[in-house]
Amino acid sequence: MAWWIWLVIAFGIGVIELATVTFVLLWMAIAAFVTSVVSLVVPDVWIQLLIFAVVSVGLYLATRPVAQKWRKNRRYPTTRLEGMVGERAVVVKGAAPGRMATVRVRGELWSAQSDAVLEPGSQVVVVRAESSVLFVQPAVQEPPAGAK
């Protein structure tokens, strides 16, 4: 097979990988590129196919443990509310402990509750989110730069 055919295959698989982000097709695209270079000196199509298969499987097996470890360490929020946990917010309408306050998170207003007094203008951190209520706690103020 001509070298440029393998290059077209590599490009096509690469475009599909960009659309799916599976990181499986990435290794096949790299293998097709390697095969395009090797096909300049190896004219036999069957050997080219073997090289493509071996490089694809080899790259996949070599990177699989790293990818699994990386995915295991990352946790993606499954809902919009879960994604708010850990976000900083500003109290718009204060409240006593256990009462409903209003906070601004990411430019949106939300109902919030806390075990502490919430004063308007103070910074809080979202610790939990249920239904349409955020549970917050006062944010720890960081010292100014250079201060001890």
N, C-alpha and C. Protein backbone atom coordinates (compact mmCIF):
# COMPACT_ATOMS: atom_id res chain seq x y z
N MET A 1 0.86 -1.17 0.00
CA MET A 1 0.00 0.00 0.00
C MET A 1 0.90 1.23 0.00
N ALA A 2 0.50 2.26 -0.68
CA ALA A 2 1.31 3.48 -0.76
C ALA A 2 1.35 4.18 0.59
N TRP A 3 2.46 4.88 0.83
CA TRP A 3 2.66 5.55 2.11
C TRP A 3 1.59 6.59 2.38
N TRP A 4 1.14 7.27 1.34
CA TRP A 4 0.17 8.34 1.52
C TRP A 4 -1.20 7.81 1.92
N ILE A 5 -1.51 6.57 1.56
CA ILE A 5 -2.78 5.97 1.99
C ILE A 5 -2.78 5.79 3.51
N TRP A 6 -1.64 5.32 4.06
CA TRP A 6 -1.53 5.19 5.52
C TRP A 6 -1.62 6.56 6.20
N LEU A 7 -1.08 7.58 5.54
CA LEU A 7 -1.15 8.92 6.09
C LEU A 7 -2.59 9.44 6.12
N VAL A 8 -3.35 9.15 5.07
CA VAL A 8 -4.77 9.52 5.02
C VAL A 8 -5.54 8.77 6.11
N ILE A 9 -5.21 7.48 6.27
CA ILE A 9 -5.86 6.69 7.33
C ILE A 9 -5.53 7.28 8.71
N ALA A 10 -4.27 7.63 8.92
CA ALA A 10 -3.86 8.22 10.20
C ALA A 10 -4.62 9.52 10.46
N PHE A 11 -4.73 10.36 9.44
CA PHE A 11 -5.44 11.62 9.57
C PHE A 11 -6.92 11.37 9.87
N GLY A 12 -7.55 10.43 9.14
CA GLY A 12 -8.97 10.12 9.36
C GLY A 12 -9.23 9.60 10.76
N ILE A 13 -8.40 8.69 11.22
CA ILE A 13 -8.57 8.16 12.58
C ILE A 13 -8.33 9.26 13.61
N GLY A 14 -7.36 10.13 13.34
CA GLY A 14 -7.09 11.24 14.25
C GLY A 14 -8.27 12.19 14.38
N VAL A 15 -8.93 12.46 13.25
CA VAL A 15 -10.12 13.33 13.29
C VAL A 15 -11.23 12.67 14.10
N ILE A 16 -11.43 11.38 13.90
CA ILE A 16 -12.46 10.65 14.67
C ILE A 16 -12.11 10.67 16.15
N GLU A 17 -10.82 10.53 16.49
CA GLU A 17 -10.38 10.58 17.89
C GLU A 17 -10.70 11.93 18.51
N LEU A 18 -10.47 12.99 17.77
CA LEU A 18 -10.78 14.32 18.29
C LEU A 18 -12.26 14.48 18.59
N ALA A 19 -13.10 13.81 17.80
CA ALA A 19 -14.55 13.90 18.02
C ALA A 19 -15.02 13.04 19.19
N THR A 20 -14.33 11.92 19.45
CA THR A 20 -14.79 10.99 20.48
C THR A 20 -14.01 11.08 21.79
N VAL A 21 -12.76 11.48 21.75
CA VAL A 21 -11.87 11.60 22.91
C VAL A 21 -11.84 10.30 23.72
N THR A 22 -11.63 9.18 23.05
CA THR A 22 -11.56 7.90 23.74
C THR A 22 -10.13 7.51 24.10
N PHE A 23 -9.16 8.09 23.43
CA PHE A 23 -7.74 7.78 23.57
C PHE A 23 -7.40 6.36 23.14
N VAL A 24 -8.31 5.66 22.53
CA VAL A 24 -8.01 4.36 21.94
C VAL A 24 -7.64 4.59 20.49
N LEU A 25 -8.39 5.41 19.82
CA LEU A 25 -8.13 5.69 18.42
C LEU A 25 -6.85 6.50 18.23
N LEU A 26 -6.43 7.21 19.25
CA LEU A 26 -5.19 7.97 19.17
C LEU A 26 -4.03 7.05 18.84
N TRP A 27 -3.97 5.90 19.51
CA TRP A 27 -2.88 4.96 19.30
C TRP A 27 -2.96 4.35 17.91
N MET A 28 -4.16 4.14 17.41
CA MET A 28 -4.31 3.61 16.04
C MET A 28 -3.86 4.66 15.02
N ALA A 29 -4.15 5.93 15.28
CA ALA A 29 -3.70 6.99 14.38
C ALA A 29 -2.18 7.07 14.37
N ILE A 30 -1.56 6.97 15.53
CA ILE A 30 -0.09 6.98 15.61
C ILE A 30 0.48 5.76 14.89
N ALA A 31 -0.16 4.60 15.09
CA ALA A 31 0.30 3.38 14.42
C ALA A 31 0.18 3.51 12.91
N ALA A 32 -0.87 4.12 12.42
CA ALA A 32 -1.02 4.33 10.97
C ALA A 32 0.06 5.27 10.46
N PHE A 33 0.40 6.29 11.24
CA PHE A 33 1.47 7.21 10.83
C PHE A 33 2.81 6.48 10.78
N VAL A 34 3.10 5.67 11.81
CA VAL A 34 4.34 4.88 11.82
C VAL A 34 4.38 3.95 10.62
N THR A 35 3.25 3.33 10.33
CA THR A 35 3.17 2.41 9.19
C THR A 35 3.39 3.16 7.87
N SER A 36 2.94 4.41 7.79
CA SER A 36 3.16 5.18 6.56
C SER A 36 4.66 5.41 6.34
N VAL A 37 5.39 5.65 7.43
CA VAL A 37 6.84 5.84 7.31
C VAL A 37 7.52 4.52 6.94
N VAL A 38 7.12 3.44 7.60
CA VAL A 38 7.72 2.13 7.35
C VAL A 38 7.39 1.65 5.94
N SER A 39 6.22 2.00 5.41
CA SER A 39 5.82 1.53 4.08
C SER A 39 6.72 2.07 2.97
N LEU A 40 7.52 3.09 3.27
CA LEU A 40 8.48 3.59 2.29
C LEU A 40 9.57 2.57 1.98
N VAL A 41 9.88 1.71 2.98
CA VAL A 41 10.92 0.69 2.79
C VAL A 41 10.37 -0.73 2.78
N VAL A 42 9.13 -0.93 3.21
CA VAL A 42 8.51 -2.26 3.24
C VAL A 42 7.30 -2.23 2.31
N PRO A 43 7.44 -2.75 1.08
CA PRO A 43 6.35 -2.68 0.12
C PRO A 43 5.22 -3.71 0.35
N ASP A 44 5.46 -4.77 1.11
CA ASP A 44 4.46 -5.83 1.29
C ASP A 44 3.31 -5.34 2.18
N VAL A 45 2.09 -5.40 1.64
CA VAL A 45 0.90 -4.92 2.35
C VAL A 45 0.66 -5.72 3.62
N TRP A 46 0.88 -7.03 3.60
CA TRP A 46 0.63 -7.86 4.78
C TRP A 46 1.57 -7.51 5.93
N ILE A 47 2.81 -7.21 5.59
CA ILE A 47 3.75 -6.80 6.63
C ILE A 47 3.36 -5.43 7.18
N GLN A 48 2.90 -4.54 6.30
CA GLN A 48 2.42 -3.23 6.75
C GLN A 48 1.24 -3.38 7.70
N LEU A 49 0.30 -4.25 7.36
CA LEU A 49 -0.85 -4.49 8.24
C LEU A 49 -0.41 -5.08 9.57
N LEU A 50 0.58 -5.97 9.54
CA LEU A 50 1.11 -6.55 10.76
C LEU A 50 1.77 -5.47 11.63
N ILE A 51 2.55 -4.60 11.00
CA ILE A 51 3.19 -3.51 11.73
C ILE A 51 2.13 -2.60 12.35
N PHE A 52 1.10 -2.27 11.57
CA PHE A 52 0.02 -1.44 12.08
C PHE A 52 -0.63 -2.08 13.31
N ALA A 53 -0.93 -3.39 13.21
CA ALA A 53 -1.59 -4.08 14.32
C ALA A 53 -0.68 -4.15 15.55
N VAL A 54 0.57 -4.49 15.35
CA VAL A 54 1.50 -4.63 16.48
C VAL A 54 1.72 -3.28 17.18
N VAL A 55 1.92 -2.21 16.41
CA VAL A 55 2.14 -0.90 17.01
C VAL A 55 0.88 -0.42 17.72
N SER A 56 -0.30 -0.65 17.12
CA SER A 56 -1.56 -0.25 17.76
C SER A 56 -1.74 -0.94 19.10
N VAL A 57 -1.63 -2.24 19.10
CA VAL A 57 -1.83 -3.02 20.32
C VAL A 57 -0.72 -2.70 21.34
N GLY A 58 0.50 -2.57 20.88
CA GLY A 58 1.61 -2.26 21.77
C GLY A 58 1.43 -0.92 22.48
N LEU A 59 1.06 0.11 21.72
CA LEU A 59 0.82 1.42 22.34
C LEU A 59 -0.36 1.37 23.31
N TYR A 60 -1.41 0.67 22.92
CA TYR A 60 -2.58 0.57 23.78
C TYR A 60 -2.22 -0.13 25.10
N LEU A 61 -1.54 -1.26 25.02
CA LEU A 61 -1.19 -2.01 26.22
C LEU A 61 -0.17 -1.26 27.08
N ALA A 62 0.74 -0.52 26.45
CA ALA A 62 1.75 0.21 27.20
C ALA A 62 1.16 1.38 27.96
N THR A 63 0.12 1.99 27.44
CA THR A 63 -0.44 3.17 28.08
C THR A 63 -1.70 2.89 28.90
N ARG A 64 -2.23 1.71 28.79
CA ARG A 64 -3.47 1.38 29.51
C ARG A 64 -3.35 1.54 31.02
N PRO A 65 -2.31 1.01 31.66
CA PRO A 65 -2.20 1.17 33.12
C PRO A 65 -2.12 2.65 33.54
N VAL A 66 -1.41 3.45 32.78
CA VAL A 66 -1.29 4.87 33.10
C VAL A 66 -2.66 5.55 32.96
N ALA A 67 -3.37 5.23 31.90
CA ALA A 67 -4.70 5.83 31.67
C ALA A 67 -5.68 5.41 32.76
N GLN A 68 -5.65 4.15 33.16
CA GLN A 68 -6.55 3.69 34.21
C GLN A 68 -6.24 4.39 35.54
N LYS A 69 -4.97 4.55 35.85
CA LYS A 69 -4.59 5.22 37.09
C LYS A 69 -5.03 6.68 37.06
N TRP A 70 -4.86 7.33 35.92
CA TRP A 70 -5.25 8.73 35.77
C TRP A 70 -6.75 8.89 35.92
N ARG A 71 -7.53 8.02 35.29
CA ARG A 71 -8.99 8.09 35.37
C ARG A 71 -9.49 7.80 36.77
N LYS A 72 -8.85 6.86 37.46
CA LYS A 72 -9.28 6.50 38.81
C LYS A 72 -9.09 7.67 39.76
N ASN A 73 -8.03 8.45 39.57
CA ASN A 73 -7.74 9.57 40.45
C ASN A 73 -8.62 10.79 40.17
N ARG A 74 -9.23 10.86 39.01
CA ARG A 74 -10.07 11.99 38.67
C ARG A 74 -11.51 11.65 38.90
N ARG A 75 -12.23 12.56 39.48
CA ARG A 75 -13.65 12.36 39.70
C ARG A 75 -14.38 13.52 39.07
N TYR A 76 -15.25 13.21 38.16
CA TYR A 76 -16.01 14.24 37.48
C TYR A 76 -17.39 14.35 38.09
N PRO A 77 -17.86 15.58 38.32
CA PRO A 77 -19.21 15.72 38.87
C PRO A 77 -20.24 15.21 37.88
N THR A 78 -21.24 14.49 38.39
CA THR A 78 -22.26 13.94 37.50
C THR A 78 -23.43 14.89 37.32
N THR A 79 -23.58 15.84 38.23
CA THR A 79 -24.66 16.82 38.09
C THR A 79 -24.10 18.22 38.26
N ARG A 80 -24.89 19.18 37.87
CA ARG A 80 -24.49 20.58 38.01
C ARG A 80 -24.28 20.92 39.48
N LEU A 81 -25.12 20.40 40.35
CA LEU A 81 -24.99 20.69 41.78
C LEU A 81 -23.69 20.13 42.35
N GLU A 82 -23.33 18.91 41.95
CA GLU A 82 -22.08 18.32 42.43
C GLU A 82 -20.89 19.16 42.01
N GLY A 83 -20.99 19.77 40.84
CA GLY A 83 -19.91 20.61 40.34
C GLY A 83 -19.72 21.88 41.15
N MET A 84 -20.69 22.25 41.95
CA MET A 84 -20.58 23.47 42.75
C MET A 84 -19.87 23.24 44.08
N VAL A 85 -19.76 22.01 44.50
CA VAL A 85 -19.08 21.72 45.77
C VAL A 85 -17.63 22.19 45.66
N GLY A 86 -17.22 22.98 46.65
CA GLY A 86 -15.86 23.51 46.66
C GLY A 86 -15.76 24.91 46.07
N GLU A 87 -16.82 25.38 45.42
CA GLU A 87 -16.82 26.72 44.82
C GLU A 87 -16.95 27.78 45.90
N ARG A 88 -16.35 28.93 45.66
CA ARG A 88 -16.52 30.07 46.55
C ARG A 88 -17.77 30.84 46.13
N ALA A 89 -18.45 31.43 47.10
CA ALA A 89 -19.65 32.21 46.85
C ALA A 89 -19.63 33.45 47.73
N VAL A 90 -20.46 34.42 47.37
CA VAL A 90 -20.60 35.65 48.16
C VAL A 90 -22.03 35.71 48.68
N VAL A 91 -22.16 35.99 49.97
CA VAL A 91 -23.49 36.09 50.58
C VAL A 91 -24.14 37.39 50.12
N VAL A 92 -25.34 37.27 49.54
CA VAL A 92 -26.10 38.44 49.08
C VAL A 92 -27.09 38.85 50.16
N LYS A 93 -27.79 37.88 50.73
CA LYS A 93 -28.76 38.12 51.80
C LYS A 93 -28.37 37.22 52.96
N GLY A 94 -28.01 37.82 54.08
CA GLY A 94 -27.55 37.06 55.23
C GLY A 94 -28.68 36.33 55.95
N ALA A 95 -28.28 35.46 56.87
CA ALA A 95 -29.25 34.71 57.65
C ALA A 95 -28.59 34.15 58.90
N ALA A 96 -29.44 33.81 59.87
CA ALA A 96 -28.98 33.16 61.10
C ALA A 96 -28.71 31.69 60.79
N PRO A 97 -27.98 31.00 61.68
CA PRO A 97 -27.71 29.58 61.46
C PRO A 97 -28.99 28.78 61.25
N GLY A 98 -28.99 27.92 60.24
CA GLY A 98 -30.14 27.07 59.94
C GLY A 98 -31.22 27.75 59.12
N ARG A 99 -31.12 29.04 58.90
CA ARG A 99 -32.11 29.78 58.12
C ARG A 99 -31.61 29.93 56.68
N MET A 100 -32.54 30.27 55.78
CA MET A 100 -32.18 30.41 54.37
C MET A 100 -31.55 31.77 54.08
N ALA A 101 -30.40 31.71 53.43
CA ALA A 101 -29.71 32.91 52.96
C ALA A 101 -29.68 32.85 51.43
N THR A 102 -29.18 33.90 50.82
CA THR A 102 -29.01 33.90 49.36
C THR A 102 -27.54 34.16 49.08
N VAL A 103 -26.96 33.32 48.20
CA VAL A 103 -25.56 33.47 47.83
C VAL A 103 -25.44 33.56 46.31
N ARG A 104 -24.35 34.17 45.86
CA ARG A 104 -24.07 34.25 44.42
C ARG A 104 -22.89 33.33 44.12
N VAL A 105 -23.15 32.34 43.25
CA VAL A 105 -22.13 31.39 42.81
C VAL A 105 -22.09 31.43 41.30
N ARG A 106 -20.90 31.65 40.73
CA ARG A 106 -20.75 31.69 39.27
C ARG A 106 -21.74 32.66 38.63
N GLY A 107 -22.04 33.75 39.30
CA GLY A 107 -22.95 34.75 38.76
C GLY A 107 -24.42 34.44 38.92
N GLU A 108 -24.77 33.34 39.59
CA GLU A 108 -26.16 32.95 39.79
C GLU A 108 -26.52 33.03 41.27
N LEU A 109 -27.78 33.35 41.55
CA LEU A 109 -28.25 33.40 42.93
C LEU A 109 -28.81 32.04 43.33
N TRP A 110 -28.45 31.60 44.55
CA TRP A 110 -28.89 30.31 45.09
C TRP A 110 -29.32 30.49 46.54
N SER A 111 -30.25 29.64 46.96
CA SER A 111 -30.61 29.57 48.38
C SER A 111 -29.51 28.79 49.07
N ALA A 112 -29.19 29.22 50.30
CA ALA A 112 -28.11 28.56 51.03
C ALA A 112 -28.42 28.49 52.50
N GLN A 113 -27.85 27.47 53.13
CA GLN A 113 -27.97 27.30 54.58
C GLN A 113 -26.59 27.07 55.15
N SER A 114 -26.45 27.44 56.44
CA SER A 114 -25.17 27.24 57.10
C SER A 114 -25.41 27.07 58.59
N ASP A 115 -24.43 26.48 59.27
CA ASP A 115 -24.47 26.37 60.72
C ASP A 115 -23.90 27.62 61.38
N ALA A 116 -23.40 28.53 60.55
CA ALA A 116 -22.82 29.78 61.06
C ALA A 116 -23.67 30.95 60.60
N VAL A 117 -23.47 32.09 61.23
CA VAL A 117 -24.15 33.31 60.82
C VAL A 117 -23.57 33.74 59.47
N LEU A 118 -24.44 34.05 58.53
CA LEU A 118 -23.99 34.50 57.21
C LEU A 118 -24.28 35.99 57.07
N GLU A 119 -23.23 36.78 56.94
CA GLU A 119 -23.35 38.22 56.81
C GLU A 119 -23.26 38.60 55.33
N PRO A 120 -24.09 39.55 54.88
CA PRO A 120 -24.02 39.99 53.48
C PRO A 120 -22.61 40.47 53.12
N GLY A 121 -22.13 40.06 51.96
CA GLY A 121 -20.80 40.44 51.48
C GLY A 121 -19.70 39.49 51.90
N SER A 122 -19.99 38.57 52.83
CA SER A 122 -18.94 37.66 53.28
C SER A 122 -18.75 36.52 52.27
N GLN A 123 -17.57 35.94 52.30
CA GLN A 123 -17.24 34.82 51.40
C GLN A 123 -17.56 33.50 52.09
N VAL A 124 -18.12 32.58 51.33
CA VAL A 124 -18.42 31.24 51.83
C VAL A 124 -17.95 30.22 50.81
N VAL A 125 -17.90 28.96 51.23
CA VAL A 125 -17.53 27.85 50.36
C VAL A 125 -18.67 26.84 50.38
N VAL A 126 -19.04 26.34 49.21
CA VAL A 126 -20.10 25.34 49.11
C VAL A 126 -19.52 23.99 49.55
N VAL A 127 -20.16 23.37 50.55
CA VAL A 127 -19.69 22.08 51.05
C VAL A 127 -20.61 20.93 50.63
N ARG A 128 -21.85 21.26 50.30
CA ARG A 128 -22.80 20.22 49.89
C ARG A 128 -23.91 20.91 49.11
N ALA A 129 -24.55 20.15 48.23
CA ALA A 129 -25.67 20.71 47.46
C ALA A 129 -26.76 19.66 47.36
N GLU A 130 -27.98 20.07 47.70
CA GLU A 130 -29.13 19.18 47.62
C GLU A 130 -30.28 19.95 47.01
N SER A 131 -30.95 19.34 46.07
CA SER A 131 -32.10 19.95 45.41
C SER A 131 -31.71 21.33 44.90
N SER A 132 -32.27 22.38 45.46
CA SER A 132 -31.91 23.73 45.02
C SER A 132 -31.31 24.53 46.17
N VAL A 133 -30.80 23.82 47.17
CA VAL A 133 -30.21 24.49 48.33
C VAL A 133 -28.73 24.10 48.43
N LEU A 134 -27.90 25.13 48.61
CA LEU A 134 -26.48 24.91 48.82
C LEU A 134 -26.18 25.01 50.31
N PHE A 135 -25.39 24.11 50.81
CA PHE A 135 -24.96 24.16 52.20
C PHE A 135 -23.54 24.71 52.19
N VAL A 136 -23.35 25.81 52.93
CA VAL A 136 -22.09 26.54 52.86
C VAL A 136 -21.49 26.70 54.24
N GLN A 137 -20.21 27.06 54.25
CA GLN A 137 -19.53 27.42 55.49
C GLN A 137 -18.65 28.63 55.19
N PRO A 138 -18.39 29.45 56.19
CA PRO A 138 -17.56 30.63 55.95
C PRO A 138 -16.21 30.23 55.37
N ALA A 139 -15.75 31.02 54.39
CA ALA A 139 -14.46 30.76 53.76
C ALA A 139 -13.33 31.24 54.66
N VAL A 140 -12.24 30.52 54.64
CA VAL A 140 -11.06 30.91 55.38
C VAL A 140 -10.39 32.02 54.59
N GLN A 141 -10.18 33.15 55.22
CA GLN A 141 -9.55 34.28 54.55
C GLN A 141 -8.06 34.03 54.46
N GLU A 142 -7.52 34.17 53.25
CA GLU A 142 -6.09 33.99 53.05
C GLU A 142 -5.37 35.29 53.40
N PRO A 143 -4.21 35.18 54.06
CA PRO A 143 -3.46 36.40 54.41
C PRO A 143 -2.95 37.08 53.15
N PRO A 144 -2.78 38.39 53.20
CA PRO A 144 -2.25 39.11 52.03
C PRO A 144 -0.86 38.59 51.67
N ALA A 145 -0.49 38.73 50.40
CA ALA A 145 0.82 38.27 49.94
C ALA A 145 1.92 38.99 50.71
N GLY A 146 2.89 38.22 51.16
CA GLY A 146 4.03 38.79 51.89
C GLY A 146 3.82 38.87 53.38
N ALA A 147 2.58 38.66 53.86
CA ALA A 147 2.31 38.72 55.31
C ALA A 147 2.58 37.36 55.92
N LYS A 148 3.04 37.38 57.18
CA LYS A 148 3.27 36.12 57.88
C LYS A 148 2.24 35.88 58.93
